[in-house]
Amino acid sequence: MRKPRDIDAELRALQDKAKSLKARKIVQLGELVTATGADILDAETLAGVLLEALERAQQPDAGEGWRLRGAAFFQRRARPGKNGSKPAGDGAGAATDGGGHVPR
């Protein structure tokens, strides 16, 4: 005879995993804010920018350019520096503010 499954234990394990994944997502979003240099913005400004992006993203094809720019950002960060000695997380692919200035 088979041992019955402990559904409650499985459910608790899934809830713990979901909680862990949510916490990891929050940490990664914070790291993304820092990696892009957006951590120089105050919380209200950053929230406003994100809310406007959400509104504009509702328009057809509005977010495709943003997606491509974001993909390029991550590809630049994944490559080491020209001399090969810089690690990927050193800001080598940091975003600029449009005027060539790298924040922070």
Protein backbone atom coordinates (compact mmCIF):
# COMPACT_ATOMS: atom_id res chain seq x y z
CA MET A 1 0.00 0.00 0.00
CA ARG A 2 1.23 3.47 -0.89
CA LYS A 3 1.99 6.05 1.71
CA PRO A 4 -0.58 8.87 1.54
CA ARG A 5 0.68 12.27 0.40
CA ASP A 6 0.96 14.99 2.97
CA ILE A 7 -0.89 17.66 1.03
CA ASP A 8 -0.59 20.20 3.86
CA ALA A 9 3.19 19.83 3.94
CA GLU A 10 3.39 20.16 0.15
CA LEU A 11 1.21 23.26 0.29
CA ARG A 12 3.41 24.81 3.00
CA ALA A 13 6.50 24.04 0.93
CA LEU A 14 4.95 25.71 -2.11
CA GLN A 15 3.95 28.75 -0.05
CA ASP A 16 7.48 29.01 1.33
CA LYS A 17 8.91 28.78 -2.18
CA ALA A 18 6.49 31.47 -3.42
CA LYS A 19 7.50 33.73 -0.54
CA SER A 20 11.17 33.15 -1.33
CA LEU A 21 10.66 33.91 -5.02
CA LYS A 22 8.76 37.10 -4.21
CA ALA A 23 11.56 38.25 -1.89
CA ARG A 24 14.16 37.48 -4.57
CA LYS A 25 12.14 39.44 -7.14
CA ILE A 26 12.05 42.47 -4.83
CA VAL A 27 15.82 42.29 -4.31
CA GLN A 28 16.40 41.99 -8.06
CA LEU A 29 14.20 45.01 -8.74
CA GLY A 30 16.26 47.00 -6.26
CA GLU A 31 19.45 45.83 -7.95
CA LEU A 32 18.00 46.87 -11.31
CA VAL A 33 17.26 50.37 -10.01
CA THR A 34 20.84 50.64 -8.79
CA ALA A 35 22.40 49.14 -11.94
CA THR A 36 20.59 51.60 -14.21
CA GLY A 37 21.59 54.56 -12.06
CA ALA A 38 17.96 55.30 -11.19
CA ASP A 39 18.84 55.20 -7.50
CA ILE A 40 19.81 58.87 -7.80
CA LEU A 41 16.11 59.69 -8.19
CA ASP A 42 13.96 60.28 -5.15
CA ALA A 43 11.21 57.70 -4.55
CA GLU A 44 8.40 59.97 -5.74
CA THR A 45 10.13 60.73 -9.05
CA LEU A 46 10.98 57.09 -9.66
CA ALA A 47 7.39 56.07 -8.89
CA GLY A 48 6.10 58.74 -11.28
CA VAL A 49 8.39 57.56 -14.07
CA LEU A 50 7.30 53.97 -13.58
CA LEU A 51 3.62 54.90 -13.49
CA GLU A 52 3.96 56.88 -16.70
CA ALA A 53 5.78 53.97 -18.32
CA LEU A 54 2.90 51.68 -17.35
CA GLU A 55 0.38 54.08 -18.87
CA ARG A 56 2.34 54.38 -22.11
CA ALA A 57 2.93 50.63 -22.24
CA GLN A 58 -0.83 50.19 -22.76
CA GLN A 59 -0.44 51.73 -26.22
CA PRO A 60 0.28 49.27 -29.06
CA ASP A 61 4.03 48.79 -29.67
CA ALA A 62 4.87 51.55 -27.18
CA GLY A 63 7.09 49.34 -25.05
CA GLU A 64 9.00 47.60 -27.84
CA GLY A 65 11.67 50.31 -28.01
CA TRP A 66 12.04 50.18 -24.23
CA ARG A 67 12.35 46.41 -24.34
CA LEU A 68 15.06 46.57 -27.00
CA ARG A 69 16.96 49.25 -25.08
CA GLY A 70 16.72 47.17 -21.91
CA ALA A 71 17.95 44.06 -23.71
CA ALA A 72 20.92 46.04 -25.04
CA PHE A 73 21.64 47.31 -21.52
CA PHE A 74 21.82 43.78 -20.15
CA GLN A 75 23.95 42.56 -23.06
CA ARG A 76 26.47 45.37 -22.45
CA ARG A 77 26.61 44.55 -18.74
CA ALA A 78 27.19 40.85 -19.43
CA ARG A 79 30.34 41.52 -21.45
CA PRO A 80 33.63 42.19 -19.67
CA GLY A 81 35.50 45.44 -20.31
CA LYS A 82 37.74 45.95 -23.34
CA ASN A 83 40.81 44.67 -21.51
CA GLY A 84 38.86 41.66 -20.22
CA SER A 85 39.75 42.38 -16.60
CA LYS A 86 36.53 44.03 -15.46
CA PRO A 87 33.81 41.84 -13.98
CA ALA A 88 30.27 42.11 -15.38
CA GLY A 89 28.88 43.87 -12.30
CA ASP A 90 31.30 46.79 -12.16
CA GLY A 91 29.12 49.32 -13.97
CA ALA A 92 30.84 48.79 -17.33
CA GLY A 93 27.48 48.96 -19.09
CA ALA A 94 25.87 51.62 -16.94
CA ALA A 95 23.17 53.69 -18.57
CA THR A 96 23.79 57.32 -19.36
CA ASP A 97 21.40 60.21 -18.86
CA GLY A 98 21.40 61.07 -22.57
CA GLY A 99 24.22 63.60 -22.30
CA GLY A 100 26.93 60.99 -21.97
CA HIS A 101 27.01 61.34 -18.18
CA VAL A 102 27.00 58.07 -16.30
CA PRO A 103 25.06 58.58 -13.06
CA ARG A 104 27.01 57.55 -9.94
